[in-house]
Amino acid sequence: MNFNSLAFLIFLPVVVAGYWILPYKARKYWLLAASYFFYMYWNPILILLLLFSTCVDYLCGLGLERFRDSKGLKRLFLLVSVFMNLGVLFFFKYWDFFGGIVNTACEALSLPYRTQPLNLILPIGISFYTFQTMSYTIDVYRGDYKTEHNFIDFSLYVTFFPQLVAGPIENPGNLLPQLKARHYLRWENVNAGIRLLLCGFFRKCVVADLCGIYVNRVYEHLPEANSFAILIAGALFCVQIYCDFAGYSEIAAGSARLLGIRLMKNFDRPYSAETGSEFFRRWHISLNRWFTNYVYIPLGGNRKGPFRKVLNTMIVFTLCGLWHGANWTYVLWGVYAGAWVCIDSLVFHPMDKAMIRRGVDLKHPLIVLVRRVLLFLAYIPAGLTFRAVSVESLGIIFPRLFTAGGTLTEAFTQLGFTGGSMIHLVLILVWMARIYDWGNYDLPPAGSGHAAAKRIVSVVLMFIIIAFAWIALLASDDLAGFAYFQF
């Protein structure tokens, strides 16, 4: 079920109302049933995979506790969990991708072996819930979290509908105790939940979908696009993908908050970062935390010298790129991002220290602005790569980006800009920057009557903007699903 659908706008109030009306002991059963319905709404048969992951990791958790004094058996249960989850993920998401690599290698070596493409339906959200269930068994194995004995509580941890299909990827230490606790209906949670929902819908239905219209026009006619059109499309896609995914995360957090549950913050104004390393600490925080805790640190992190640090960083970002999808463009995105972080760590970070020693104020507003603009420009090639449907498309994009030339007028025509649409886009982007505080998960009380009145006006304006944007997109058939649902 898409968050930006009429079905969800009916589903969410019904679930929230039922949750608070029902007695405490019945609430988790209500939420579990609602979460299964939410997932089955798209394709009912795929609920079997979700149940499979739930059962495997629940039993592995019990096995880890039962044989906690046997290192060999503990390792066996951990490996069963990891291989089962990654095996399902590999089969549905990567079989055809790696099969193509094998076929190419066999052709090059004149070997007769060939794999047949399966063209499987990719279960929605499989990359998210498999990582979340693995985090449970890994934490139990490490002794960071105790085994969960209640199957209903564990099932709800795996399937909790707000973050089931696109995160954030929660760890058991944060989410499971909240799902088991008794919650009370509080105004501050309702207030925060509505704010987050409005902010998320604004980012998605107004900003992301609007930017996506212009980006799609360029990508659908790449051979005709000039350099300016590709550059602007790349910049707009960076805004689009951020607002799409950050919007989803805020809607997820808002939905959970209406139930008294706090999900972690998944984005923290990444485009206000000044370095590549800072950017990725602010972007898709839950995924970066997962790879840091379960891949980067076990590989040695930065504890074994500069070379190992670079190697470990490149491994993590390459895997992160592959996690996004079975496409070489995602792998190249990961390599670019990893190289960016390594260069930042080895070159730019020492340069910053040297400038500070010489008295340069790196926090001067002008310097901060320049560094942020340069970082955004540096991320545009990553955005262009991420959006490309194939490596062949990249072979068109980057040569044209640097050689196609052309004028801004031609670029505006290729993007479909008019005077009115440009003013509309600028106003929307300015408003997006102004509503950052709405994305704060714990906004302080309004205080004075004047501040409260301003907030009420903002709420009304937000409702109006979202409603008109949604109606316009529905009328033009440009309403799009969330990009990260495909992962």
Protein backbone atom coordinates (compact mmCIF):
# COMPACT_ATOMS: atom_id res chain seq x y z
CA MET A 1 0.00 0.00 0.00
CA ASN A 2 1.44 3.35 -1.02
CA PHE A 3 1.49 6.11 1.56
CA ASN A 4 0.37 8.60 -1.09
CA SER A 5 -2.82 6.71 -1.91
CA LEU A 6 -6.46 7.08 -0.96
CA ALA A 7 -6.34 3.60 0.56
CA PHE A 8 -3.69 4.68 3.06
CA LEU A 9 -5.58 7.84 3.96
CA ILE A 10 -8.46 5.56 4.99
CA PHE A 11 -6.27 2.82 6.47
CA LEU A 12 -4.22 5.00 8.84
CA PRO A 13 -7.09 6.69 10.75
CA VAL A 14 -8.87 3.33 11.11
CA VAL A 15 -5.72 1.67 12.51
CA VAL A 16 -4.94 4.55 14.88
CA ALA A 17 -8.54 4.77 16.12
CA GLY A 18 -8.77 1.01 16.63
CA TYR A 19 -5.44 0.97 18.47
CA TRP A 20 -6.54 3.53 21.07
CA ILE A 21 -10.06 2.14 21.45
CA LEU A 22 -8.98 -1.46 22.03
CA PRO A 23 -7.76 -2.64 25.45
CA TYR A 24 -4.00 -2.76 25.94
CA LYS A 25 -3.65 -6.55 25.56
CA ALA A 26 -5.43 -6.55 22.20
CA ARG A 27 -3.47 -3.70 20.64
CA LYS A 28 -0.47 -5.66 19.42
CA TYR A 29 -2.75 -8.19 17.71
CA TRP A 30 -4.57 -5.31 16.02
CA LEU A 31 -1.28 -3.77 14.85
CA LEU A 32 0.04 -7.11 13.61
CA ALA A 33 -3.15 -7.76 11.62
CA ALA A 34 -3.03 -4.23 10.22
CA SER A 35 0.63 -4.66 9.24
CA TYR A 36 -0.06 -7.93 7.41
CA PHE A 37 -3.00 -6.31 5.62
CA PHE A 38 -0.79 -3.35 4.68
CA TYR A 39 1.80 -5.67 3.10
CA MET A 40 -0.72 -8.02 1.47
CA TYR A 41 -2.57 -5.12 -0.14
CA TRP A 42 0.07 -5.10 -2.91
CA ASN A 43 0.50 -8.86 -3.48
CA PRO A 44 -1.01 -11.29 -0.92
CA ILE A 45 1.13 -14.33 -1.80
CA LEU A 46 4.37 -12.54 -0.87
CA ILE A 47 3.32 -12.52 2.77
CA LEU A 48 4.75 -16.05 2.84
CA LEU A 49 8.28 -14.63 2.47
CA LEU A 50 7.69 -12.25 5.35
CA LEU A 51 6.43 -15.12 7.51
CA PHE A 52 9.44 -17.21 6.47
CA SER A 53 11.92 -14.53 7.58
CA THR A 54 9.99 -14.03 10.80
CA CYS A 55 9.97 -17.73 11.70
CA VAL A 56 13.61 -18.33 10.76
CA ASP A 57 14.96 -15.48 12.86
CA TYR A 58 12.61 -16.14 15.78
CA LEU A 59 13.79 -19.77 15.96
CA CYS A 60 17.43 -18.77 15.47
CA GLY A 61 17.08 -16.33 18.37
CA LEU A 62 15.76 -19.12 20.59
CA GLY A 63 18.61 -21.38 19.45
CA LEU A 64 21.19 -18.71 20.26
CA GLU A 65 19.83 -18.50 23.80
CA ARG A 66 19.45 -22.26 24.26
CA PHE A 67 23.04 -22.97 23.20
CA ARG A 68 24.68 -19.75 24.43
CA ASP A 69 27.51 -21.73 26.05
CA SER A 70 28.46 -23.45 22.79
CA LYS A 71 30.40 -21.18 20.42
CA GLY A 72 30.03 -23.63 17.56
CA LEU A 73 26.25 -23.97 17.82
CA LYS A 74 25.82 -20.22 18.39
CA ARG A 75 27.79 -19.55 15.21
CA LEU A 76 25.69 -22.16 13.39
CA PHE A 77 22.40 -20.46 14.32
CA LEU A 78 23.80 -17.08 13.30
CA LEU A 79 24.93 -18.46 9.95
CA VAL A 80 21.52 -20.06 9.37
CA SER A 81 19.85 -16.68 9.91
CA VAL A 82 22.29 -14.79 7.70
CA PHE A 83 22.35 -17.32 4.87
CA MET A 84 18.58 -17.81 4.88
CA ASN A 85 17.88 -14.09 4.75
CA LEU A 86 20.60 -13.26 2.26
CA GLY A 87 19.68 -16.34 0.24
CA VAL A 88 16.09 -15.17 -0.18
CA LEU A 89 17.31 -11.65 -0.97
CA PHE A 90 19.85 -12.95 -3.51
CA PHE A 91 17.35 -15.25 -5.21
CA PHE A 92 14.66 -12.63 -5.74
CA LYS A 93 16.82 -9.57 -6.28
CA TYR A 94 20.16 -10.66 -7.75
CA TRP A 95 19.73 -14.01 -9.49
CA ASP A 96 19.31 -12.56 -12.97
CA PHE A 97 22.00 -9.91 -12.37
CA PHE A 98 24.73 -12.35 -11.35
CA GLY A 99 23.46 -14.87 -13.88
CA GLY A 100 24.15 -12.28 -16.56
CA ILE A 101 27.69 -11.84 -15.25
CA VAL A 102 28.22 -15.61 -15.36
CA ASN A 103 26.88 -15.80 -18.92
CA THR A 104 29.18 -12.99 -20.04
CA ALA A 105 32.19 -14.72 -18.49
CA CYS A 106 31.26 -18.04 -20.12
CA GLU A 107 30.90 -16.38 -23.51
CA ALA A 108 34.33 -14.76 -23.12
CA LEU A 109 35.87 -18.14 -22.21
CA SER A 110 33.86 -20.05 -24.85
CA LEU A 111 32.24 -22.21 -22.19
CA PRO A 112 28.84 -23.83 -22.85
CA TYR A 113 27.33 -23.06 -19.41
CA ARG A 114 24.40 -20.63 -19.40
CA THR A 115 21.94 -19.50 -16.73
CA GLN A 116 18.34 -18.76 -17.60
CA PRO A 117 16.71 -15.52 -16.42
CA LEU A 118 13.82 -16.10 -14.02
CA ASN A 119 12.21 -12.63 -14.27
CA LEU A 120 10.97 -12.91 -10.70
CA ILE A 121 8.67 -10.36 -9.06
CA LEU A 122 10.72 -8.42 -6.54
CA PRO A 123 8.92 -8.55 -3.16
CA ILE A 124 8.36 -5.01 -1.98
CA GLY A 125 10.63 -3.92 0.87
CA ILE A 126 12.61 -7.17 0.95
CA SER A 127 15.94 -5.39 1.38
CA PHE A 128 14.63 -3.53 4.41
CA TYR A 129 12.94 -6.26 6.41
CA THR A 130 15.69 -8.85 5.78
CA PHE A 131 18.29 -6.42 7.15
CA GLN A 132 16.07 -5.64 10.15
CA THR A 133 15.57 -9.30 11.02
CA MET A 134 19.29 -10.00 10.62
CA SER A 135 20.11 -7.13 12.98
CA TYR A 136 18.09 -8.96 15.63
CA THR A 137 19.96 -12.27 15.35
CA ILE A 138 23.35 -10.53 15.12
CA ASP A 139 22.60 -8.46 18.23
CA VAL A 140 21.43 -11.55 20.13
CA TYR A 141 24.58 -13.41 19.03
CA ARG A 142 26.76 -10.55 20.25
CA GLY A 143 24.88 -10.31 23.54
CA ASP A 144 23.67 -6.77 22.73
CA TYR A 145 20.01 -7.80 23.02
CA LYS A 146 18.17 -10.57 24.81
CA THR A 147 16.23 -13.23 22.93
CA GLU A 148 12.58 -12.38 22.36
CA HIS A 149 10.32 -15.25 23.45
CA ASN A 150 6.95 -13.79 22.49
CA PHE A 151 6.31 -14.68 18.84
CA ILE A 152 3.63 -11.98 18.41
CA ASP A 153 5.96 -9.25 19.69
CA PHE A 154 8.76 -10.45 17.43
CA SER A 155 6.42 -10.69 14.42
CA LEU A 156 5.31 -7.12 15.02
CA TYR A 157 8.96 -6.02 15.16
CA VAL A 158 9.50 -7.51 11.70
CA THR A 159 6.24 -6.30 10.14
CA PHE A 160 5.42 -2.96 11.84
CA PHE A 161 3.66 -1.27 8.91
CA PRO A 162 5.02 2.33 9.05
CA GLN A 163 8.59 1.23 8.38
CA LEU A 164 8.04 -2.21 6.86
CA VAL A 165 8.69 -1.56 3.18
CA ALA A 166 11.18 1.35 3.14
CA GLY A 167 12.60 1.76 6.61
CA PRO A 168 14.08 3.20 8.62
CA ILE A 169 15.86 -0.06 9.40
CA GLU A 170 15.35 -0.26 13.14
CA ASN A 171 17.42 -2.24 15.62
CA PRO A 172 15.67 -4.39 18.21
CA GLY A 173 16.95 -2.32 21.11
CA ASN A 174 14.94 0.69 19.96
CA LEU A 175 11.78 -0.76 18.44
CA LEU A 176 10.98 -4.00 20.29
CA PRO A 177 10.70 -2.49 23.80
CA GLN A 178 8.39 0.22 22.42
CA LEU A 179 6.14 -2.33 20.75
CA LYS A 180 5.86 -4.23 24.02
CA ALA A 181 5.29 -1.18 26.22
CA ARG A 182 1.94 0.26 27.21
CA HIS A 183 1.32 3.63 25.56
CA TYR A 184 -1.07 6.41 26.42
CA LEU A 185 -2.72 8.88 24.09
CA ARG A 186 -0.79 12.14 24.51
CA TRP A 187 -1.27 15.45 22.73
CA GLU A 188 2.47 15.93 22.12
CA ASN A 189 2.56 12.64 20.16
CA VAL A 190 -0.51 13.56 18.13
CA ASN A 191 0.96 16.99 17.42
CA ALA A 192 4.33 15.56 16.38
CA GLY A 193 2.68 12.82 14.32
CA ILE A 194 0.53 15.24 12.33
CA ARG A 195 3.49 17.56 11.75
CA LEU A 196 5.65 14.74 10.46
CA LEU A 197 2.86 13.44 8.23
CA LEU A 198 2.28 16.88 6.71
CA CYS A 199 5.99 17.46 6.22
CA GLY A 200 6.43 14.03 4.62
CA PHE A 201 3.46 14.43 2.28
CA PHE A 202 4.70 17.88 1.29
CA ARG A 203 8.19 16.59 0.46
CA LYS A 204 6.80 13.67 -1.52
CA CYS A 205 3.59 14.86 -3.19
CA VAL A 206 4.65 18.44 -3.81
CA VAL A 207 8.45 18.63 -4.13
CA ALA A 208 9.58 15.16 -5.21
CA ASP A 209 6.78 14.46 -7.69
CA LEU A 210 7.08 17.95 -9.20
CA CYS A 211 10.85 17.62 -9.68
CA GLY A 212 10.31 14.13 -11.07
CA ILE A 213 8.18 15.46 -13.93
CA TYR A 214 11.07 17.60 -15.23
CA VAL A 215 13.71 14.93 -14.59
CA ASN A 216 11.71 12.32 -16.51
CA ARG A 217 11.37 14.60 -19.54
CA VAL A 218 15.14 14.84 -19.87
CA TYR A 219 15.83 11.15 -19.26
CA GLU A 220 13.17 10.13 -21.76
CA HIS A 221 14.88 12.21 -24.49
CA LEU A 222 18.56 11.97 -23.55
CA PRO A 223 19.94 12.09 -27.13
CA GLU A 224 18.30 15.50 -27.62
CA ALA A 225 19.22 16.97 -24.20
CA ASN A 226 21.95 19.60 -24.03
CA SER A 227 24.50 20.06 -21.24
CA PHE A 228 22.43 22.53 -19.26
CA ALA A 229 19.33 20.32 -19.41
CA ILE A 230 21.26 17.30 -18.09
CA LEU A 231 22.93 19.37 -15.34
CA ILE A 232 19.60 20.85 -14.19
CA ALA A 233 17.94 17.43 -14.35
CA GLY A 234 20.75 16.02 -12.20
CA ALA A 235 20.31 18.78 -9.63
CA LEU A 236 16.52 18.33 -9.58
CA PHE A 237 16.91 14.57 -9.19
CA CYS A 238 19.13 15.10 -6.14
CA VAL A 239 16.28 17.14 -4.65
CA GLN A 240 13.69 14.59 -5.84
CA ILE A 241 15.32 11.49 -4.37
CA TYR A 242 15.97 13.26 -1.06
CA CYS A 243 12.40 14.54 -0.74
CA ASP A 244 10.98 11.19 -1.88
CA PHE A 245 12.82 9.12 0.69
CA ALA A 246 12.96 11.69 3.48
CA GLY A 247 9.25 12.25 2.88
CA TYR A 248 8.56 8.52 3.25
CA SER A 249 10.64 8.41 6.44
CA GLU A 250 8.71 11.34 7.91
CA ILE A 251 5.34 9.78 7.01
CA ALA A 252 6.51 6.54 8.62
CA ALA A 253 7.67 8.38 11.74
CA GLY A 254 4.45 10.40 11.88
CA SER A 255 2.27 7.30 11.54
CA ALA A 256 4.20 5.53 14.30
CA ARG A 257 4.11 8.61 16.52
CA LEU A 258 0.29 8.62 16.39
CA LEU A 259 0.57 5.18 18.01
CA GLY A 260 2.98 6.48 20.65
CA ILE A 261 6.05 4.90 19.02
CA ARG A 262 9.20 6.83 18.06
CA LEU A 263 11.13 5.71 15.01
CA MET A 264 14.68 6.89 14.50
CA LYS A 265 15.40 9.91 12.34
CA ASN A 266 16.53 8.73 8.92
CA PHE A 267 17.63 12.04 7.34
CA ASP A 268 19.19 15.10 8.93
CA ARG A 269 19.41 17.86 6.29
CA PRO A 270 22.13 16.13 4.23
CA TYR A 271 22.44 19.02 1.76
CA SER A 272 23.47 21.32 4.60
CA ALA A 273 26.59 19.18 5.05
CA GLU A 274 29.98 20.64 4.12
CA THR A 275 31.96 17.44 3.53
CA GLY A 276 31.30 14.08 1.90
CA SER A 277 31.70 12.19 5.17
CA GLU A 278 29.24 14.49 6.91
CA PHE A 279 26.80 14.12 4.02
CA PHE A 280 26.57 10.34 4.43
CA ARG A 281 26.26 10.63 8.20
CA ARG A 282 23.10 12.64 7.50
CA TRP A 283 21.76 10.57 4.56
CA HIS A 284 19.80 7.32 5.04
CA ILE A 285 21.12 7.16 8.57
CA SER A 286 19.64 3.75 9.40
CA LEU A 287 21.25 2.01 6.43
CA ASN A 288 24.62 3.65 7.07
CA ARG A 289 24.39 2.63 10.71
CA TRP A 290 23.58 -0.97 9.67
CA PHE A 291 26.59 -1.23 7.36
CA THR A 292 28.83 0.47 9.93
CA ASN A 293 27.81 -1.84 12.78
CA TYR A 294 27.64 -5.12 10.88
CA VAL A 295 30.18 -4.74 8.05
CA TYR A 296 32.59 -1.81 8.46
CA ILE A 297 33.53 -2.34 12.12
CA PRO A 298 33.84 -6.17 11.83
CA LEU A 299 36.17 -5.62 8.84
CA GLY A 300 38.41 -3.54 11.08
CA GLY A 301 36.96 -0.09 10.47
CA ASN A 302 39.66 2.56 10.69
CA ARG A 303 41.69 0.71 13.32
CA LYS A 304 44.19 -0.96 10.98
CA GLY A 305 45.78 1.92 9.14
CA PRO A 306 44.87 4.19 6.21
CA PHE A 307 44.96 1.49 3.53
CA ARG A 308 42.53 -0.80 5.38
CA LYS A 309 40.32 2.17 6.15
CA VAL A 310 40.09 3.00 2.44
CA LEU A 311 39.54 -0.65 1.51
CA ASN A 312 36.83 -1.12 4.15
CA THR A 313 35.11 2.11 3.10
CA MET A 314 35.08 1.06 -0.56
CA ILE A 315 33.74 -2.40 0.32
CA VAL A 316 30.92 -0.91 2.40
CA PHE A 317 29.87 1.66 -0.20
CA THR A 318 30.06 -0.84 -3.05
CA LEU A 319 27.83 -3.22 -1.08
CA CYS A 320 25.56 -0.30 -0.24
CA GLY A 321 25.24 0.47 -3.94
CA LEU A 322 24.48 -3.16 -4.72
CA TRP A 323 21.92 -3.22 -1.89
CA HIS A 324 19.93 -0.61 -3.80
CA GLY A 325 19.43 -2.85 -6.80
CA ALA A 326 20.76 -5.38 -9.27
CA ASN A 327 22.11 -2.85 -11.72
CA TRP A 328 25.63 -1.71 -12.53
CA THR A 329 24.52 1.92 -12.16
CA TYR A 330 23.93 1.36 -8.43
CA VAL A 331 27.33 -0.30 -8.07
CA LEU A 332 28.97 2.66 -9.84
CA TRP A 333 27.06 5.02 -7.55
CA GLY A 334 28.49 3.14 -4.55
CA VAL A 335 32.02 3.28 -5.94
CA TYR A 336 31.70 7.02 -6.61
CA ALA A 337 30.30 7.67 -3.12
CA GLY A 338 33.00 5.55 -1.47
CA ALA A 339 35.79 7.27 -3.40
CA TRP A 340 34.27 10.63 -2.48
CA VAL A 341 34.34 9.77 1.24
CA CYS A 342 37.90 8.41 1.03
CA ILE A 343 39.20 11.52 -0.73
CA ASP A 344 37.41 13.67 1.81
CA SER A 345 39.01 11.75 4.68
CA LEU A 346 42.54 11.57 3.23
CA VAL A 347 42.78 14.93 1.46
CA PHE A 348 40.15 17.48 2.40
CA HIS A 349 39.99 16.73 6.12
CA PRO A 350 43.76 17.37 6.58
CA MET A 351 43.39 20.51 4.42
CA ASP A 352 40.64 21.77 6.71
CA LYS A 353 42.86 21.23 9.76
CA ALA A 354 45.72 23.07 8.09
CA MET A 355 43.49 26.04 7.24
CA ILE A 356 42.16 26.19 10.80
CA ARG A 357 45.73 26.25 12.15
CA ARG A 358 46.44 29.22 9.88
CA GLY A 359 43.50 31.13 11.25
CA VAL A 360 40.92 30.52 8.51
CA ASP A 361 37.38 30.65 9.90
CA LEU A 362 35.66 27.74 8.18
CA LYS A 363 32.41 28.66 9.92
CA HIS A 364 32.19 32.04 8.24
CA PRO A 365 28.75 32.18 6.53
CA LEU A 366 30.23 32.81 3.08
CA ILE A 367 32.69 29.92 3.38
CA VAL A 368 29.94 27.63 4.67
CA LEU A 369 27.71 28.58 1.73
CA VAL A 370 30.49 27.95 -0.83
CA ARG A 371 31.34 24.57 0.72
CA ARG A 372 27.68 23.50 0.68
CA VAL A 373 27.22 24.54 -2.95
CA LEU A 374 30.41 22.74 -4.01
CA LEU A 375 29.33 19.60 -2.16
CA PHE A 376 25.92 19.66 -3.86
CA LEU A 377 27.59 20.06 -7.27
CA ALA A 378 29.93 17.17 -6.44
CA TYR A 379 26.91 14.96 -5.70
CA ILE A 380 25.15 15.67 -9.01
CA PRO A 381 27.22 13.05 -10.94
CA ALA A 382 26.19 10.52 -8.28
CA GLY A 383 22.56 11.52 -8.76
CA LEU A 384 22.81 11.22 -12.54
CA THR A 385 24.34 7.76 -12.14
CA PHE A 386 21.73 6.62 -9.61
CA ARG A 387 18.85 7.74 -11.84
CA ALA A 388 20.21 6.16 -15.03
CA VAL A 389 18.47 2.95 -16.06
CA SER A 390 21.60 1.34 -17.51
CA VAL A 391 25.31 1.77 -18.12
CA GLU A 392 24.44 2.50 -21.75
CA SER A 393 22.46 5.52 -20.56
CA LEU A 394 25.54 6.75 -18.69
CA GLY A 395 27.40 6.51 -21.99
CA ILE A 396 24.97 9.12 -23.30
CA ILE A 397 24.64 11.27 -20.18
CA PHE A 398 28.22 12.11 -19.30
CA PRO A 399 29.57 12.79 -22.81
CA ARG A 400 26.60 15.09 -23.44
CA LEU A 401 27.02 16.72 -20.03
CA PHE A 402 30.49 17.94 -20.97
CA THR A 403 30.26 18.30 -24.76
CA ALA A 404 26.67 18.94 -25.84
CA GLY A 405 26.76 22.68 -25.17
CA GLY A 406 23.55 24.50 -26.01
CA THR A 407 21.77 27.40 -24.34
CA LEU A 408 19.69 27.78 -21.21
CA THR A 409 16.68 28.63 -23.36
CA GLU A 410 16.99 25.30 -25.18
CA ALA A 411 17.46 23.52 -21.85
CA PHE A 412 14.30 25.09 -20.42
CA THR A 413 12.39 23.92 -23.48
CA GLN A 414 13.72 20.37 -23.09
CA LEU A 415 12.79 20.40 -19.39
CA GLY A 416 9.34 21.76 -20.17
CA PHE A 417 9.86 24.94 -18.15
CA THR A 418 7.60 27.94 -18.63
CA GLY A 419 7.71 31.23 -16.78
CA GLY A 420 4.88 30.11 -14.50
CA SER A 421 6.28 26.66 -13.84
CA MET A 422 9.70 28.08 -12.93
CA ILE A 423 8.18 30.52 -10.44
CA HIS A 424 6.08 27.65 -9.04
CA LEU A 425 9.15 25.42 -8.65
CA VAL A 426 11.22 28.15 -6.96
CA LEU A 427 8.42 28.94 -4.50
CA ILE A 428 8.01 25.26 -3.66
CA LEU A 429 11.76 24.84 -3.03
CA VAL A 430 11.83 27.95 -0.84
CA TRP A 431 8.88 26.65 1.17
CA MET A 432 10.61 23.28 1.51
CA ALA A 433 13.60 25.02 3.11
CA ARG A 434 11.31 26.90 5.50
CA ILE A 435 9.57 23.82 6.86
CA TYR A 436 12.69 22.10 8.13
CA ASP A 437 11.56 22.52 11.75
CA TRP A 438 8.50 20.46 10.93
CA GLY A 439 10.81 17.52 10.44
CA ASN A 440 12.15 17.84 13.99
CA TYR A 441 10.86 14.81 15.84
CA ASP A 442 10.57 16.77 19.11
CA LEU A 443 9.55 20.32 18.30
CA PRO A 444 9.16 22.38 21.50
CA PRO A 445 5.74 23.77 22.44
CA ALA A 446 4.57 26.83 20.55
CA GLY A 447 4.82 29.02 23.66
CA SER A 448 3.12 32.37 23.13
CA GLY A 449 -0.29 32.79 21.55
CA HIS A 450 1.36 34.56 18.59
CA ALA A 451 3.68 31.59 17.95
CA ALA A 452 0.77 29.16 18.24
CA ALA A 453 -1.28 31.22 15.78
CA LYS A 454 1.61 31.23 13.28
CA ARG A 455 1.87 27.47 13.58
CA ILE A 456 -1.86 27.06 12.94
CA VAL A 457 -1.55 29.23 9.83
CA SER A 458 1.36 27.08 8.67
CA VAL A 459 -0.70 23.92 9.16
CA VAL A 460 -3.58 25.34 7.12
CA LEU A 461 -1.24 26.49 4.34
CA MET A 462 0.43 23.07 4.30
CA PHE A 463 -2.92 21.31 3.94
CA ILE A 464 -3.91 23.61 1.05
CA ILE A 465 -0.59 23.20 -0.78
CA ILE A 466 -0.58 19.41 -0.46
CA ALA A 467 -4.23 19.12 -1.50
CA PHE A 468 -3.82 21.24 -4.63
CA ALA A 469 -0.56 19.54 -5.61
CA TRP A 470 -2.07 16.10 -5.14
CA ILE A 471 -5.17 16.97 -7.18
CA ALA A 472 -3.01 18.42 -9.96
CA LEU A 473 -0.78 15.34 -10.07
CA LEU A 474 -3.78 13.00 -10.07
CA ALA A 475 -5.35 14.97 -12.91
CA SER A 476 -2.16 14.76 -14.98
CA ASP A 477 -1.43 11.08 -14.17
CA ASP A 478 1.95 12.14 -12.74
CA LEU A 479 1.38 10.83 -9.20
CA ALA A 480 4.29 8.48 -8.53
CA GLY A 481 4.98 5.81 -5.95
CA PHE A 482 7.87 6.07 -3.52
CA ALA A 483 11.21 5.38 -5.23
CA TYR A 484 12.58 3.28 -2.36
CA PHE A 485 9.64 0.86 -2.47
CA GLN A 486 11.55 -0.91 -5.28
CA PHE A 487 14.44 -1.70 -2.95
